[in-house]
Amino acid sequence: MAERGGLARRSVGGSRFLYDSFDAAQARIEASERVAEARREALDYRLARIEAGLERLERRLWLAVYGVAAAVLLHGALALLDLAG
């Protein structure tokens, strides 16, 4: 009876050695997915930092453009005042 139970167990559940390689492969796939997710999160973080830096740079450039425009207008206004006076 014990042998018959053993045979029945194998035919229903199979040998654990048959499924160990599948479990290892599944574990490797899950680990790869976790690594890929961590890399994606790191990439998203870095991209957010780059975008924030670009926004700051853009603000500084516009400030410089407005500063130059103001200096040119001021120089022109002073030249007009000098001609009128």
N, C-alpha and C. Protein backbone atom coordinates (compact mmCIF):
# COMPACT_ATOMS: atom_id res chain seq x y z
N MET A 1 0.82 -1.19 0.00
CA MET A 1 0.00 0.00 0.00
C MET A 1 0.87 1.26 0.00
N ALA A 2 1.96 1.21 0.73
CA ALA A 2 2.81 2.39 0.77
C ALA A 2 3.35 2.71 -0.61
N GLU A 3 3.69 1.61 -1.36
CA GLU A 3 4.20 1.85 -2.70
C GLU A 3 3.10 2.41 -3.59
N ARG A 4 1.93 1.87 -3.43
CA ARG A 4 0.82 2.35 -4.25
C ARG A 4 0.55 3.82 -3.92
N GLY A 5 0.60 4.18 -2.63
CA GLY A 5 0.41 5.58 -2.26
C GLY A 5 1.51 6.44 -2.83
N GLY A 6 2.73 5.91 -2.82
CA GLY A 6 3.86 6.64 -3.38
C GLY A 6 3.71 6.84 -4.87
N LEU A 7 3.23 5.83 -5.56
CA LEU A 7 3.01 5.96 -7.00
C LEU A 7 1.89 6.94 -7.29
N ALA A 8 0.85 6.88 -6.48
CA ALA A 8 -0.26 7.80 -6.69
C ALA A 8 0.21 9.23 -6.45
N ARG A 9 1.04 9.41 -5.46
CA ARG A 9 1.54 10.75 -5.14
C ARG A 9 2.37 11.29 -6.30
N ARG A 10 3.20 10.42 -6.90
CA ARG A 10 4.03 10.87 -8.01
C ARG A 10 3.19 11.19 -9.24
N SER A 11 2.20 10.42 -9.49
CA SER A 11 1.41 10.66 -10.69
C SER A 11 0.55 11.91 -10.55
N VAL A 12 0.15 12.23 -9.33
CA VAL A 12 -0.65 13.44 -9.14
C VAL A 12 0.25 14.66 -9.01
N GLY A 13 1.22 14.59 -8.11
CA GLY A 13 2.04 15.76 -7.85
C GLY A 13 3.33 15.78 -8.63
N GLY A 14 3.81 14.61 -9.01
CA GLY A 14 5.06 14.54 -9.73
C GLY A 14 6.24 14.64 -8.79
N SER A 15 7.40 14.45 -9.31
CA SER A 15 8.62 14.53 -8.52
C SER A 15 8.98 15.99 -8.30
N ARG A 16 9.46 16.27 -7.12
CA ARG A 16 9.86 17.66 -6.85
C ARG A 16 11.05 18.05 -7.71
N PHE A 17 11.84 17.07 -8.14
CA PHE A 17 13.00 17.36 -8.98
C PHE A 17 12.59 17.80 -10.38
N LEU A 18 11.38 17.42 -10.80
CA LEU A 18 10.88 17.89 -12.09
C LEU A 18 10.59 19.38 -12.06
N TYR A 19 10.15 19.88 -10.92
CA TYR A 19 9.70 21.27 -10.83
C TYR A 19 10.73 22.21 -10.24
N ASP A 20 11.82 21.67 -9.68
CA ASP A 20 12.85 22.54 -9.09
C ASP A 20 13.45 23.47 -10.12
N SER A 21 13.72 22.98 -11.32
CA SER A 21 14.33 23.85 -12.34
C SER A 21 13.35 24.95 -12.74
N PHE A 22 12.04 24.62 -12.79
CA PHE A 22 11.06 25.65 -13.12
C PHE A 22 10.96 26.69 -12.01
N ASP A 23 11.06 26.24 -10.76
CA ASP A 23 11.03 27.18 -9.63
C ASP A 23 12.24 28.09 -9.67
N ALA A 24 13.40 27.53 -9.99
CA ALA A 24 14.62 28.35 -10.06
C ALA A 24 14.51 29.35 -11.21
N ALA A 25 13.98 28.89 -12.34
CA ALA A 25 13.82 29.80 -13.48
C ALA A 25 12.83 30.90 -13.14
N GLN A 26 11.75 30.54 -12.47
CA GLN A 26 10.76 31.54 -12.08
C GLN A 26 11.36 32.54 -11.09
N ALA A 27 12.17 32.03 -10.15
CA ALA A 27 12.83 32.92 -9.19
C ALA A 27 13.78 33.87 -9.91
N ARG A 28 14.50 33.35 -10.93
CA ARG A 28 15.40 34.20 -11.71
C ARG A 28 14.63 35.26 -12.47
N ILE A 29 13.49 34.89 -13.02
CA ILE A 29 12.67 35.85 -13.75
C ILE A 29 12.15 36.93 -12.81
N GLU A 30 11.69 36.52 -11.64
CA GLU A 30 11.19 37.49 -10.67
C GLU A 30 12.29 38.42 -10.19
N ALA A 31 13.48 37.87 -9.98
CA ALA A 31 14.61 38.71 -9.57
C ALA A 31 14.97 39.70 -10.67
N SER A 32 14.95 39.23 -11.92
CA SER A 32 15.23 40.13 -13.05
C SER A 32 14.19 41.23 -13.15
N GLU A 33 12.93 40.88 -12.90
CA GLU A 33 11.87 41.89 -12.93
C GLU A 33 12.06 42.92 -11.83
N ARG A 34 12.47 42.47 -10.64
CA ARG A 34 12.71 43.42 -9.54
C ARG A 34 13.88 44.34 -9.86
N VAL A 35 14.93 43.79 -10.45
CA VAL A 35 16.09 44.60 -10.84
C VAL A 35 15.69 45.61 -11.91
N ALA A 36 14.91 45.16 -12.89
CA ALA A 36 14.47 46.07 -13.94
C ALA A 36 13.60 47.18 -13.37
N GLU A 37 12.74 46.85 -12.42
CA GLU A 37 11.89 47.87 -11.79
C GLU A 37 12.72 48.87 -11.00
N ALA A 38 13.73 48.38 -10.28
CA ALA A 38 14.61 49.28 -9.52
C ALA A 38 15.37 50.20 -10.47
N ARG A 39 15.85 49.64 -11.59
CA ARG A 39 16.56 50.46 -12.57
C ARG A 39 15.64 51.51 -13.18
N ARG A 40 14.39 51.13 -13.44
CA ARG A 40 13.43 52.08 -14.00
C ARG A 40 13.14 53.21 -13.02
N GLU A 41 13.00 52.86 -11.73
CA GLU A 41 12.77 53.89 -10.72
C GLU A 41 13.96 54.84 -10.64
N ALA A 42 15.17 54.28 -10.70
CA ALA A 42 16.37 55.12 -10.66
C ALA A 42 16.44 56.02 -11.89
N LEU A 43 16.08 55.48 -13.04
CA LEU A 43 16.08 56.27 -14.27
C LEU A 43 15.04 57.38 -14.20
N ASP A 44 13.85 57.07 -13.69
CA ASP A 44 12.82 58.10 -13.52
C ASP A 44 13.28 59.20 -12.58
N TYR A 45 13.97 58.81 -11.50
CA TYR A 45 14.48 59.80 -10.54
C TYR A 45 15.51 60.71 -11.22
N ARG A 46 16.43 60.09 -11.96
CA ARG A 46 17.45 60.89 -12.63
C ARG A 46 16.85 61.80 -13.70
N LEU A 47 15.86 61.30 -14.43
CA LEU A 47 15.21 62.14 -15.44
C LEU A 47 14.49 63.31 -14.79
N ALA A 48 13.86 63.08 -13.65
CA ALA A 48 13.18 64.17 -12.95
C ALA A 48 14.20 65.22 -12.51
N ARG A 49 15.37 64.76 -12.02
CA ARG A 49 16.41 65.71 -11.62
C ARG A 49 16.93 66.50 -12.82
N ILE A 50 17.11 65.84 -13.95
CA ILE A 50 17.58 66.52 -15.16
C ILE A 50 16.56 67.55 -15.62
N GLU A 51 15.28 67.17 -15.60
CA GLU A 51 14.23 68.11 -16.01
C GLU A 51 14.17 69.32 -15.09
N ALA A 52 14.33 69.11 -13.78
CA ALA A 52 14.33 70.23 -12.84
C ALA A 52 15.53 71.15 -13.12
N GLY A 53 16.68 70.56 -13.40
CA GLY A 53 17.86 71.36 -13.73
C GLY A 53 17.67 72.15 -15.01
N LEU A 54 17.04 71.53 -16.01
CA LEU A 54 16.78 72.25 -17.25
C LEU A 54 15.80 73.40 -17.06
N GLU A 55 14.80 73.20 -16.21
CA GLU A 55 13.87 74.30 -15.92
C GLU A 55 14.57 75.46 -15.24
N ARG A 56 15.47 75.15 -14.28
CA ARG A 56 16.24 76.22 -13.62
C ARG A 56 17.12 76.95 -14.63
N LEU A 57 17.76 76.19 -15.50
CA LEU A 57 18.62 76.80 -16.52
C LEU A 57 17.81 77.67 -17.46
N GLU A 58 16.62 77.22 -17.84
CA GLU A 58 15.77 78.02 -18.72
C GLU A 58 15.37 79.33 -18.05
N ARG A 59 15.03 79.26 -16.76
CA ARG A 59 14.68 80.50 -16.04
C ARG A 59 15.86 81.46 -16.01
N ARG A 60 17.05 80.93 -15.78
CA ARG A 60 18.24 81.80 -15.75
C ARG A 60 18.51 82.42 -17.11
N LEU A 61 18.33 81.64 -18.16
CA LEU A 61 18.56 82.18 -19.50
C LEU A 61 17.57 83.29 -19.83
N TRP A 62 16.28 83.09 -19.48
CA TRP A 62 15.30 84.14 -19.73
C TRP A 62 15.60 85.38 -18.90
N LEU A 63 16.07 85.19 -17.68
CA LEU A 63 16.46 86.32 -16.85
C LEU A 63 17.60 87.09 -17.51
N ALA A 64 18.57 86.36 -18.07
CA ALA A 64 19.68 87.02 -18.77
C ALA A 64 19.17 87.76 -20.00
N VAL A 65 18.26 87.16 -20.75
CA VAL A 65 17.71 87.82 -21.95
C VAL A 65 16.99 89.10 -21.55
N TYR A 66 16.14 89.01 -20.52
CA TYR A 66 15.42 90.21 -20.07
C TYR A 66 16.38 91.26 -19.53
N GLY A 67 17.45 90.83 -18.88
CA GLY A 67 18.45 91.78 -18.37
C GLY A 67 19.14 92.51 -19.50
N VAL A 68 19.52 91.78 -20.53
CA VAL A 68 20.17 92.41 -21.69
C VAL A 68 19.20 93.36 -22.39
N ALA A 69 17.95 92.94 -22.54
CA ALA A 69 16.94 93.80 -23.18
C ALA A 69 16.73 95.08 -22.37
N ALA A 70 16.70 94.94 -21.05
CA ALA A 70 16.53 96.12 -20.19
C ALA A 70 17.73 97.04 -20.31
N ALA A 71 18.94 96.48 -20.37
CA ALA A 71 20.14 97.30 -20.50
C ALA A 71 20.14 98.05 -21.84
N VAL A 72 19.72 97.38 -22.91
CA VAL A 72 19.68 98.03 -24.22
C VAL A 72 18.64 99.16 -24.21
N LEU A 73 17.47 98.90 -23.64
CA LEU A 73 16.44 99.94 -23.57
C LEU A 73 16.90 101.12 -22.71
N LEU A 74 17.56 100.83 -21.60
CA LEU A 74 18.06 101.89 -20.74
C LEU A 74 19.11 102.71 -21.47
N HIS A 75 20.00 102.03 -22.18
CA HIS A 75 21.03 102.76 -22.94
C HIS A 75 20.39 103.63 -24.01
N GLY A 76 19.36 103.10 -24.68
CA GLY A 76 18.66 103.90 -25.70
C GLY A 76 17.94 105.08 -25.09
N ALA A 77 17.29 104.89 -23.93
CA ALA A 77 16.60 105.99 -23.26
C ALA A 77 17.59 107.06 -22.83
N LEU A 78 18.73 106.67 -22.30
CA LEU A 78 19.74 107.65 -21.90
C LEU A 78 20.28 108.41 -23.11
N ALA A 79 20.45 107.72 -24.24
CA ALA A 79 20.91 108.41 -25.44
C ALA A 79 19.89 109.41 -25.91
N LEU A 80 18.59 109.07 -25.84
CA LEU A 80 17.53 110.02 -26.21
C LEU A 80 17.50 111.22 -25.27
N LEU A 81 17.68 111.00 -23.99
CA LEU A 81 17.72 112.10 -23.03
C LEU A 81 18.91 113.01 -23.27
N ASP A 82 20.01 112.40 -23.65
CA ASP A 82 21.23 113.18 -23.92
C ASP A 82 21.03 114.04 -25.17
N LEU A 83 20.36 113.53 -26.17
CA LEU A 83 20.09 114.29 -27.39
C LEU A 83 19.07 115.41 -27.13
N ALA A 84 18.08 115.14 -26.28
CA ALA A 84 17.06 116.14 -26.00
C ALA A 84 17.61 117.26 -25.11
N GLY A 85 18.55 116.94 -24.33
CA GLY A 85 19.05 117.94 -23.36
C GLY A 85 20.18 118.72 -23.83
